[in-house]
């Protein structure tokens, strides 16, 4: 089993992250991700008591567990499809790091096509022992930070940025083989492009002990931006992940449903899954959007079920909400073509609090920089979460969600077309201080409104509890 390590002082990511329930958040603020920390599908809560009164509890637990497995951050119980891609990655690992040698690979593909997840799953399945580190390149703004990030993840001791390149080169040509994965590697282009040349050259050296995998969206990144790699005979092995097809998406969603222990009919009808898969495959093939649609459809079904359960005329209501084609179709309509006002009105209270937090920070940043366009700038995810926590504390109406639940809220709003997530270092500042941690791939993304702030304010003021915040 590959040994994976984290830099000293790192905290867990899952704000690019993962947990829909409150628990200690490890490695939140670091661009270094622990590959073995992949969250399994959450099983239904078990109830060992007997009696008819336990049936509703089991049903509720099963529904909550099912909703949990449709979080973006919940790791799939198994990799569905991608047979040829898995074979290519396995061959690369076997010919490089598992044999104690070096080499490089570049994996491309649109967002939501399973690039990183597939690679992580195959690393976990490897029977060889080697160190593997995953570095997100978005928050690394200086060349020396890239080398230092790799060394910190490998726990090689305290190394300065100035001496990091030399230390890494010595490690590459001596010791045991190791694997370095650079996620969102295209963010290193520009003034940090020389770092990519050097890393790929080190991996291609005959005495190299480093296997290097770069992951990004662009199919032709190496051809357009790294022509010197071909000239120096160190170009990486190329692998592209195509968008998911209908059958793939259905199989993946069905696998997540089946991973939740529970008797009776599934929470989501098979026909509803197929409708979701067809619509997503026809537009982007992004599995993350399919997961968002399923979750929002489950929330719609839950609301309908609660309304029917309180209606005295509906005495034969089932114990468990059921997601039908109608729920999925309604959700897809909201995501793809509903007017701005309807989109905003359909947000839940927690999502509206996120928008309040964004407006608050944007106004502070605009006042500090004497700009009039308060909503134009991006707000870092970490700063947005901190402001959201503060608003929840001031209101005192409900407990704030966990950091990873917060990320799910933000991701769903991005799917709805309300906000835009950008991998950008140009984020708003508050009082001369960046509203973002200096490390942490997900936390360093910037959130920007894709809807006019005036429209958002009008929609939020309809909720009495939020009016004082605006």
Protein backbone atom coordinates (compact mmCIF):
# COMPACT_ATOMS: atom_id res chain seq x y z
CA UNK A 1 0.00 0.00 0.00
CA UNK A 2 1.53 3.38 -0.93
CA UNK A 3 2.59 5.45 2.03
CA UNK A 4 1.26 8.99 1.88
CA UNK A 5 2.49 11.88 3.97
CA UNK A 6 1.61 15.46 4.77
CA UNK A 7 3.72 18.52 5.42
CA UNK A 8 4.19 19.47 9.04
CA UNK A 9 1.62 21.94 10.25
CA UNK A 10 -0.77 21.10 7.42
CA UNK A 11 -4.49 20.96 7.98
CA UNK A 12 -7.05 19.15 5.80
CA UNK A 13 -8.51 20.47 2.52
CA UNK A 14 -12.14 19.87 2.29
CA UNK A 15 -13.09 23.18 1.73
CA UNK A 16 -11.96 21.37 -2.81
CA UNK A 17 -13.33 18.94 0.29
CA UNK A 18 -15.43 16.54 1.89
CA UNK A 19 -17.56 16.03 5.00
CA UNK A 20 -21.26 16.70 5.30
CA UNK A 21 -21.28 16.17 9.07
CA UNK A 22 -19.34 17.90 11.84
CA UNK A 23 -15.99 16.31 12.59
CA UNK A 24 -12.37 17.39 12.99
CA UNK A 25 -11.17 18.97 9.75
CA UNK A 26 -7.66 17.83 8.91
CA UNK A 27 -5.53 19.48 6.25
CA UNK A 28 -8.16 22.10 5.43
CA UNK A 29 -5.80 24.92 4.66
CA UNK A 30 -3.02 23.11 2.82
CA UNK A 31 -2.48 22.60 -0.90
CA UNK A 32 -1.14 19.17 0.01
CA UNK A 33 -3.76 16.44 0.06
CA UNK A 34 -3.48 13.06 1.74
CA UNK A 35 -4.35 10.49 -0.92
CA UNK A 36 -5.49 7.78 1.44
CA UNK A 37 -7.97 10.05 3.18
CA UNK A 38 -10.84 9.30 0.81
CA UNK A 39 -14.20 9.32 2.49
CA UNK A 40 -16.25 6.16 1.94
CA UNK A 41 -19.95 6.13 1.34
CA UNK A 42 -21.77 6.58 4.62
CA UNK A 43 -23.88 3.55 5.56
CA UNK A 44 -27.34 3.87 6.97
CA UNK A 45 -27.50 4.16 10.70
CA UNK A 46 -28.33 0.87 12.35
CA UNK A 47 -30.99 0.47 14.97
CA UNK A 48 -30.87 -2.71 17.02
CA UNK A 49 -34.03 -2.02 18.98
CA UNK A 50 -37.18 -3.88 18.15
CA UNK A 51 -40.69 -2.61 17.77
CA UNK A 52 -42.73 -0.69 15.24
CA UNK A 53 -41.58 2.68 16.60
CA UNK A 54 -38.12 2.01 15.18
CA UNK A 55 -39.29 1.85 11.55
CA UNK A 56 -39.57 5.63 11.05
CA UNK A 57 -36.10 6.11 12.57
CA UNK A 58 -34.59 3.53 10.20
CA UNK A 59 -36.34 5.14 7.25
CA UNK A 60 -35.12 8.62 8.14
CA UNK A 61 -31.58 7.37 8.70
CA UNK A 62 -31.62 5.60 5.34
CA UNK A 63 -32.78 8.75 3.54
CA UNK A 64 -30.10 10.90 5.23
CA UNK A 65 -27.41 8.34 4.42
CA UNK A 66 -28.53 8.26 0.80
CA UNK A 67 -28.39 12.04 0.58
CA UNK A 68 -24.88 11.91 2.02
CA UNK A 69 -23.50 9.68 -0.73
CA UNK A 70 -24.58 12.26 -3.32
CA UNK A 71 -22.28 14.91 -1.88
CA UNK A 72 -19.59 15.84 -4.37
CA UNK A 73 -16.94 15.20 -1.76
CA UNK A 74 -18.05 11.67 -0.91
CA UNK A 75 -15.70 9.21 -2.57
CA UNK A 76 -17.34 6.69 -4.88
CA UNK A 77 -17.60 3.16 -3.44
CA UNK A 78 -15.90 1.91 -6.61
CA UNK A 79 -14.63 3.22 -9.91
CA UNK A 80 -17.25 2.61 -12.59
CA UNK A 81 -16.09 2.37 -16.19
CA UNK A 82 -12.87 4.09 -17.31
CA UNK A 83 -11.37 0.65 -18.06
CA UNK A 84 -8.87 1.86 -20.64
CA UNK A 85 -7.88 4.87 -18.52
CA UNK A 86 -7.34 2.65 -15.49
CA UNK A 87 -5.22 0.29 -17.54
CA UNK A 88 -3.04 3.16 -18.76
CA UNK A 89 -2.54 4.56 -15.26
CA UNK A 90 -1.77 1.12 -13.84
CA UNK A 91 0.80 0.54 -16.59
CA UNK A 92 2.44 3.88 -15.82
CA UNK A 93 2.67 3.14 -12.09
CA UNK A 94 4.05 -0.33 -12.72
CA UNK A 95 6.72 0.89 -15.13
CA UNK A 96 7.85 3.81 -12.96
CA UNK A 97 7.42 4.16 -9.24
CA UNK A 98 6.63 0.49 -8.54
CA UNK A 99 9.91 -0.47 -10.20
CA UNK A 100 11.82 2.26 -8.40
CA UNK A 101 12.23 4.52 -11.43
CA UNK A 102 11.01 7.84 -12.74
CA UNK A 103 8.76 9.02 -15.53
CA UNK A 104 5.93 11.46 -16.19
CA UNK A 105 2.31 11.50 -17.26
CA UNK A 106 -0.13 14.29 -18.10
CA UNK A 107 -3.84 13.61 -17.48
CA UNK A 108 -6.33 15.96 -19.12
CA UNK A 109 -10.10 16.16 -19.20
CA UNK A 110 -13.05 18.40 -18.45
CA UNK A 111 -14.03 19.03 -14.82
CA UNK A 112 -16.06 16.23 -13.29
CA UNK A 113 -14.67 13.42 -15.46
CA UNK A 114 -13.02 11.52 -12.59
CA UNK A 115 -9.34 12.24 -13.29
CA UNK A 116 -8.08 12.69 -9.75
CA UNK A 117 -10.49 10.21 -8.19
CA UNK A 118 -9.49 7.43 -10.58
CA UNK A 119 -5.79 8.05 -9.97
CA UNK A 120 -6.23 8.08 -6.20
CA UNK A 121 -8.21 4.84 -6.24
CA UNK A 122 -5.52 3.04 -8.26
CA UNK A 123 -2.77 4.30 -5.95
CA UNK A 124 -4.65 2.90 -2.97
CA UNK A 125 -5.02 -0.46 -4.74
CA UNK A 126 -1.30 -0.72 -5.52
CA UNK A 127 0.47 -3.57 -3.75
CA UNK A 128 3.83 -1.79 -3.85
CA UNK A 129 5.08 0.51 -1.11
CA UNK A 130 6.00 4.02 -2.16
CA UNK A 131 5.47 7.56 -0.98
CA UNK A 132 2.90 9.59 -2.90
CA UNK A 133 2.00 13.24 -2.46
CA UNK A 134 -0.72 15.34 -4.06
CA UNK A 135 -0.02 19.06 -4.43
CA UNK A 136 -2.62 21.53 -5.64
CA UNK A 137 -0.81 24.17 -7.66
CA UNK A 138 -3.40 26.96 -7.43
CA UNK A 139 -2.13 28.69 -4.26
CA UNK A 140 1.55 28.31 -5.17
CA UNK A 141 2.48 31.74 -6.48
CA UNK A 142 6.29 31.52 -6.50
CA UNK A 143 8.55 28.89 -8.12
CA UNK A 144 10.23 28.04 -4.84
CA UNK A 145 6.88 27.24 -3.25
CA UNK A 146 6.34 24.36 -5.67
CA UNK A 147 9.56 22.58 -4.70
CA UNK A 148 9.02 23.33 -1.02
CA UNK A 149 5.44 22.03 -1.13
CA UNK A 150 6.65 18.65 -2.41
CA UNK A 151 9.41 18.44 0.20
CA UNK A 152 7.09 19.45 3.04
CA UNK A 153 4.64 16.74 2.04
CA UNK A 154 7.43 14.19 2.15
CA UNK A 155 8.52 15.40 5.60
CA UNK A 156 12.11 15.90 4.57
CA UNK A 157 12.69 18.57 7.19
CA UNK A 158 12.50 22.34 7.22
CA UNK A 159 13.72 23.71 3.91
CA UNK A 160 13.69 27.31 2.76
CA UNK A 161 12.18 28.28 -0.57
CA UNK A 162 15.60 29.36 -1.81
CA UNK A 163 17.14 25.96 -1.14
CA UNK A 164 14.08 23.84 -1.99
CA UNK A 165 15.00 23.16 -5.62
CA UNK A 166 18.45 21.84 -4.78
CA UNK A 167 17.08 19.70 -1.94
CA UNK A 168 14.43 18.19 -4.18
CA UNK A 169 16.93 17.43 -6.92
CA UNK A 170 19.13 15.56 -4.45
CA UNK A 171 16.08 13.59 -3.29
CA UNK A 172 15.10 12.78 -6.89
CA UNK A 173 18.43 11.13 -7.69
CA UNK A 174 18.85 9.17 -4.44
CA UNK A 175 16.74 7.20 -2.00
CA UNK A 176 13.47 5.41 -2.65
CA UNK A 177 11.09 6.04 -5.51
CA UNK A 178 8.18 8.40 -4.90
CA UNK A 179 5.18 9.79 -6.78
CA UNK A 180 4.31 13.49 -7.09
CA UNK A 181 0.89 14.52 -8.39
CA UNK A 182 0.42 18.14 -9.43
CA UNK A 183 -3.29 18.91 -9.53
CA UNK A 184 -4.41 21.90 -11.64
CA UNK A 185 -0.90 22.03 -13.04
CA UNK A 186 -1.91 24.59 -15.68
CA UNK A 187 -1.93 27.27 -12.95
CA UNK A 188 1.89 27.06 -12.97
CA UNK A 189 2.08 28.49 -16.48
CA UNK A 190 3.28 32.04 -17.01
CA UNK A 191 6.06 33.27 -14.75
CA UNK A 192 6.26 29.86 -13.06
CA UNK A 193 6.49 27.88 -16.32
CA UNK A 194 10.19 27.16 -15.80
CA UNK A 195 9.22 25.07 -12.77
CA UNK A 196 7.25 22.71 -15.01
CA UNK A 197 10.15 22.32 -17.42
CA UNK A 198 12.49 21.46 -14.57
CA UNK A 199 10.13 18.99 -12.88
CA UNK A 200 9.40 17.07 -16.08
CA UNK A 201 13.11 17.03 -16.91
CA UNK A 202 13.95 15.62 -13.47
CA UNK A 203 11.30 12.91 -13.86
CA UNK A 204 12.69 11.91 -17.28
CA UNK A 205 16.32 11.59 -16.13
CA UNK A 206 17.64 7.99 -16.32
CA UNK A 207 18.61 8.07 -12.61
CA UNK A 208 15.38 9.69 -11.46
CA UNK A 209 13.42 8.22 -8.56
CA UNK A 210 10.47 10.56 -9.08
CA UNK A 211 7.33 9.67 -11.01
CA UNK A 212 5.41 12.84 -11.91
CA UNK A 213 1.72 13.15 -12.83
CA UNK A 214 0.26 16.49 -13.92
CA UNK A 215 -3.53 16.94 -13.96
CA UNK A 216 -5.41 19.76 -15.69
CA UNK A 217 -8.35 20.45 -17.99
CA UNK A 218 -6.52 21.48 -21.17
CA UNK A 219 -6.01 18.64 -23.66
CA UNK A 220 -3.06 20.23 -25.46
CA UNK A 221 -1.25 21.88 -22.58
CA UNK A 222 2.06 20.12 -23.23
CA UNK A 223 1.93 20.88 -26.98
CA UNK A 224 1.05 24.57 -26.60
CA UNK A 225 2.99 25.58 -23.53
CA UNK A 226 5.81 23.09 -23.11
CA UNK A 227 7.35 22.59 -26.56
CA UNK A 228 10.81 22.24 -25.05
CA UNK A 229 9.78 18.93 -23.49
CA UNK A 230 9.67 17.29 -26.91
CA UNK A 231 12.98 18.88 -27.91
CA UNK A 232 14.64 17.46 -24.79
CA UNK A 233 12.99 14.05 -25.18
CA UNK A 234 11.18 14.27 -21.84
CA UNK A 235 7.57 14.71 -22.92
CA UNK A 236 5.09 12.95 -20.62
CA UNK A 237 2.73 10.10 -21.42
CA UNK A 238 -0.61 11.69 -22.38
CA UNK A 239 -3.99 10.45 -21.17
CA UNK A 240 -7.33 12.17 -21.77
CA UNK A 241 -10.58 11.56 -19.86
CA UNK A 242 -13.60 12.10 -22.11
CA UNK A 243 -16.89 13.39 -20.65
CA UNK A 244 -19.09 10.75 -19.05
CA UNK A 245 -21.76 9.16 -21.23
CA UNK A 246 -25.33 8.36 -20.17
CA UNK A 247 -24.65 4.72 -19.29
CA UNK A 248 -21.62 5.70 -17.21
CA UNK A 249 -23.49 8.33 -15.22
CA UNK A 250 -26.44 6.00 -14.57
CA UNK A 251 -24.12 3.22 -13.41
CA UNK A 252 -22.22 5.57 -11.08
CA UNK A 253 -25.37 7.03 -9.54
CA UNK A 254 -26.87 3.57 -9.16
CA UNK A 255 -23.68 2.35 -7.48
CA UNK A 256 -23.90 5.15 -4.94
CA UNK A 257 -27.51 4.26 -4.21
CA UNK A 258 -26.65 0.61 -3.71
CA UNK A 259 -23.75 1.47 -1.39
CA UNK A 260 -26.24 2.56 1.27
CA UNK A 261 -27.46 -0.34 3.33
CA UNK A 262 -31.22 -0.42 3.62
CA UNK A 263 -34.24 -2.49 2.77
CA UNK A 264 -37.09 -1.58 0.50
CA UNK A 265 -37.30 0.42 -2.70
CA UNK A 266 -34.46 2.81 -3.58
CA UNK A 267 -34.90 6.47 -2.64
CA UNK A 268 -34.52 7.61 -6.27
CA UNK A 269 -36.46 5.94 -9.06
CA UNK A 270 -34.42 4.37 -11.83
CA UNK A 271 -36.23 6.46 -14.44
CA UNK A 272 -35.36 9.61 -12.50
CA UNK A 273 -31.67 8.64 -12.50
CA UNK A 274 -31.78 8.08 -16.24
CA UNK A 275 -33.39 11.46 -16.87
CA UNK A 276 -30.70 13.15 -14.80
CA UNK A 277 -27.94 11.26 -16.63
CA UNK A 278 -29.31 12.07 -20.10
CA UNK A 279 -29.60 15.78 -19.41
CA UNK A 280 -26.12 16.04 -17.86
CA UNK A 281 -24.46 13.94 -20.57
CA UNK A 282 -26.09 16.10 -23.25
CA UNK A 283 -24.62 19.30 -21.80
CA UNK A 284 -21.29 18.72 -20.06
CA UNK A 285 -20.83 15.11 -18.98
CA UNK A 286 -19.81 16.52 -15.59
CA UNK A 287 -20.55 13.95 -12.91
CA UNK A 288 -20.50 16.62 -10.22
CA UNK A 289 -23.53 18.28 -11.78
CA UNK A 290 -25.38 14.94 -11.80
CA UNK A 291 -24.65 14.55 -8.08
CA UNK A 292 -25.91 18.08 -7.41
CA UNK A 293 -29.12 17.42 -9.34
CA UNK A 294 -29.78 14.24 -7.34
CA UNK A 295 -29.20 15.98 -4.03
CA UNK A 296 -31.43 18.91 -4.87
CA UNK A 297 -34.11 16.56 -6.17
CA UNK A 298 -33.94 14.69 -2.87
CA UNK A 299 -34.41 17.96 -0.99
CA UNK A 300 -37.44 18.77 -3.15
CA UNK A 301 -38.88 15.30 -2.51
CA UNK A 302 -38.26 15.72 1.21
CA UNK A 303 -40.13 19.03 1.25
CA UNK A 304 -43.08 17.50 -0.62
CA UNK A 305 -43.12 14.56 1.78
CA UNK A 306 -43.17 16.80 4.85
CA UNK A 307 -45.99 18.88 3.40
CA UNK A 308 -48.06 15.79 2.67
CA UNK A 309 -47.34 14.30 6.08
CA UNK A 310 -48.75 17.38 7.84
CA UNK A 311 -51.84 17.43 5.64
CA UNK A 312 -54.66 15.59 7.42
CA UNK A 313 -56.17 14.53 4.11
CA UNK A 314 -53.04 12.52 3.26
CA UNK A 315 -53.18 9.70 5.80
CA UNK A 316 -51.47 7.07 3.64
CA UNK A 317 -48.20 8.90 3.10
CA UNK A 318 -45.18 6.60 2.91
CA UNK A 319 -42.57 6.76 5.65
CA UNK A 320 -39.76 7.61 3.22
CA UNK A 321 -39.66 10.38 0.59
CA UNK A 322 -39.37 9.13 -2.97
CA UNK A 323 -37.56 11.02 -5.73
CA UNK A 324 -39.52 10.79 -8.97
CA UNK A 325 -39.03 11.99 -12.52
CA UNK A 326 -41.05 15.09 -11.64
CA UNK A 327 -38.59 16.08 -8.90
CA UNK A 328 -35.57 15.64 -11.17
CA UNK A 329 -37.24 17.50 -14.05
CA UNK A 330 -38.15 20.39 -11.75
CA UNK A 331 -34.59 20.56 -10.44
CA UNK A 332 -33.10 20.51 -13.94
CA UNK A 333 -35.44 23.31 -14.99
CA UNK A 334 -34.28 25.45 -12.06
CA UNK A 335 -30.64 24.85 -12.88
CA UNK A 336 -30.84 25.31 -16.63
CA UNK A 337 -33.39 27.94 -17.38
CA UNK A 338 -35.29 29.49 -14.53
CA UNK A 339 -35.38 33.29 -14.20
CA UNK A 340 -33.03 34.93 -11.74
CA UNK A 341 -35.74 35.68 -9.22
CA UNK A 342 -36.95 32.08 -9.13
CA UNK A 343 -33.41 30.79 -8.73
CA UNK A 344 -32.78 33.03 -5.75
CA UNK A 345 -36.16 32.35 -4.15
CA UNK A 346 -35.51 28.61 -4.41
CA UNK A 347 -32.31 28.82 -2.34
CA UNK A 348 -32.44 27.37 1.13
CA UNK A 349 -31.73 29.51 4.19
CA UNK A 350 -28.11 28.38 4.50
CA UNK A 351 -27.36 29.31 0.89
CA UNK A 352 -28.92 32.73 1.44
CA UNK A 353 -26.59 33.20 4.41
CA UNK A 354 -23.65 32.48 2.13
CA UNK A 355 -24.78 35.28 -0.19
CA UNK A 356 -25.19 37.62 2.78
CA UNK A 357 -21.62 36.83 3.81
CA UNK A 358 -20.36 37.53 0.30
CA UNK A 359 -22.14 40.89 0.10
CA UNK A 360 -20.79 41.86 3.52
CA UNK A 361 -17.17 41.07 2.62
CA UNK A 362 -17.44 42.59 -0.85
CA UNK A 363 -18.69 45.85 0.63
CA UNK A 364 -15.86 45.90 3.19
CA UNK A 365 -13.30 45.25 0.47
CA UNK A 366 -14.82 47.91 -1.80
CA UNK A 367 -14.80 50.48 1.01
CA UNK A 368 -11.18 49.70 1.82
CA UNK A 369 -10.09 50.10 -1.79
CA UNK A 370 -12.51 52.99 -2.49
CA UNK A 371 -14.18 51.13 -5.31
CA UNK A 372 -17.85 51.46 -6.14
CA UNK A 373 -18.40 48.01 -7.64
CA UNK A 374 -18.80 46.15 -4.39
CA UNK A 375 -19.86 42.82 -5.86
CA UNK A 376 -17.38 42.69 -8.71
CA UNK A 377 -14.41 41.24 -6.85
CA UNK A 378 -13.84 37.66 -5.80
CA UNK A 379 -13.93 36.60 -2.15
CA UNK A 380 -11.76 33.71 -1.00
CA UNK A 381 -13.66 30.66 0.19
CA UNK A 382 -11.89 30.61 3.56
CA UNK A 383 -12.82 34.24 4.24
CA UNK A 384 -16.38 33.65 3.10
CA UNK A 385 -16.73 30.74 5.52
CA UNK A 386 -15.38 32.81 8.41
CA UNK A 387 -17.88 35.61 7.68
CA UNK A 388 -20.69 33.07 7.35
CA UNK A 389 -19.80 31.68 10.80
CA UNK A 390 -19.90 35.18 12.22
CA UNK A 391 -23.34 35.87 10.72
CA UNK A 392 -24.72 32.61 12.13
CA UNK A 393 -23.41 33.60 15.55
CA UNK A 394 -25.00 37.05 15.38
CA UNK A 395 -28.36 35.74 14.22
CA UNK A 396 -28.46 32.89 16.73
CA UNK A 397 -31.16 31.14 14.71
CA UNK A 398 -29.29 27.97 13.76
CA UNK A 399 -25.94 26.32 14.08
CA UNK A 400 -23.48 26.87 11.21
CA UNK A 401 -22.69 23.95 8.94
CA UNK A 402 -19.26 22.33 8.88
CA UNK A 403 -16.56 23.59 6.53
CA UNK A 404 -17.12 20.79 4.05
CA UNK A 405 -20.88 21.13 4.15
CA UNK A 406 -20.26 24.80 3.42
CA UNK A 407 -18.24 23.81 0.36
CA UNK A 408 -21.12 21.67 -0.82
CA UNK A 409 -23.44 24.67 -0.50
CA UNK A 410 -21.04 26.76 -2.56
CA UNK A 411 -20.65 24.03 -5.18
CA UNK A 412 -24.39 23.67 -5.56
CA UNK A 413 -24.76 27.43 -6.00
CA UNK A 414 -22.11 27.31 -8.70
CA UNK A 415 -24.12 24.61 -10.47
CA UNK A 416 -27.20 26.80 -10.22
CA UNK A 417 -25.37 29.64 -11.94
CA UNK A 418 -25.54 32.01 -8.96
CA UNK A 419 -21.84 32.22 -8.22
CA UNK A 420 -18.59 31.50 -10.04
CA UNK A 421 -15.63 29.72 -8.46
CA UNK A 422 -12.30 30.90 -9.76
CA UNK A 423 -8.81 29.53 -9.16
CA UNK A 424 -7.36 32.97 -8.62
CA UNK A 425 -4.89 34.58 -6.28
CA UNK A 426 -6.50 37.98 -6.87
CA UNK A 427 -9.00 37.90 -4.05
CA UNK A 428 -10.47 40.62 -1.92
CA UNK A 429 -8.66 41.97 1.10
CA UNK A 430 -10.09 43.07 4.42
CA UNK A 431 -8.25 45.76 6.31
CA UNK A 432 -5.12 45.23 4.22
CA UNK A 433 -5.18 41.47 4.87
CA UNK A 434 -6.07 38.79 2.35
CA UNK A 435 -9.41 37.23 3.15
CA UNK A 436 -7.88 33.84 2.48
CA UNK A 437 -5.34 31.46 3.94
CA UNK A 438 -1.94 31.40 2.27
CA UNK A 439 -2.32 27.68 1.68
CA UNK A 440 -5.23 25.41 0.93
CA UNK A 441 -6.35 24.59 -2.56
CA UNK A 442 -10.08 24.84 -2.02
CA UNK A 443 -9.90 27.76 0.41
CA UNK A 444 -7.83 29.79 -2.03
CA UNK A 445 -10.46 29.71 -4.73
CA UNK A 446 -12.29 32.97 -5.24
CA UNK A 447 -16.09 33.24 -5.18
CA UNK A 448 -17.62 35.82 -7.50
CA UNK A 449 -21.29 36.62 -8.00
CA UNK A 450 -22.70 35.79 -11.43
CA UNK A 451 -25.96 37.63 -10.65
CA UNK A 452 -26.26 41.35 -10.08
CA UNK A 453 -25.96 42.24 -6.41
CA UNK A 454 -29.11 44.38 -6.56
CA UNK A 455 -31.15 41.34 -7.62
CA UNK A 456 -29.67 39.32 -4.79
CA UNK A 457 -30.46 42.02 -2.25
CA UNK A 458 -34.08 42.20 -3.44
CA UNK A 459 -34.45 38.44 -3.11
CA UNK A 460 -32.80 38.23 0.31
CA UNK A 461 -34.85 41.05 1.84
CA UNK A 462 -37.95 38.88 1.31
CA UNK A 463 -36.65 36.81 4.24
CA UNK A 464 -37.34 38.90 7.34
CA UNK A 465 -34.46 37.45 9.35
CA UNK A 466 -31.94 38.51 6.69
CA UNK A 467 -33.10 42.08 6.11
CA UNK A 468 -30.99 43.56 8.98
CA UNK A 469 -27.86 42.06 7.42
CA UNK A 470 -28.19 43.90 4.12
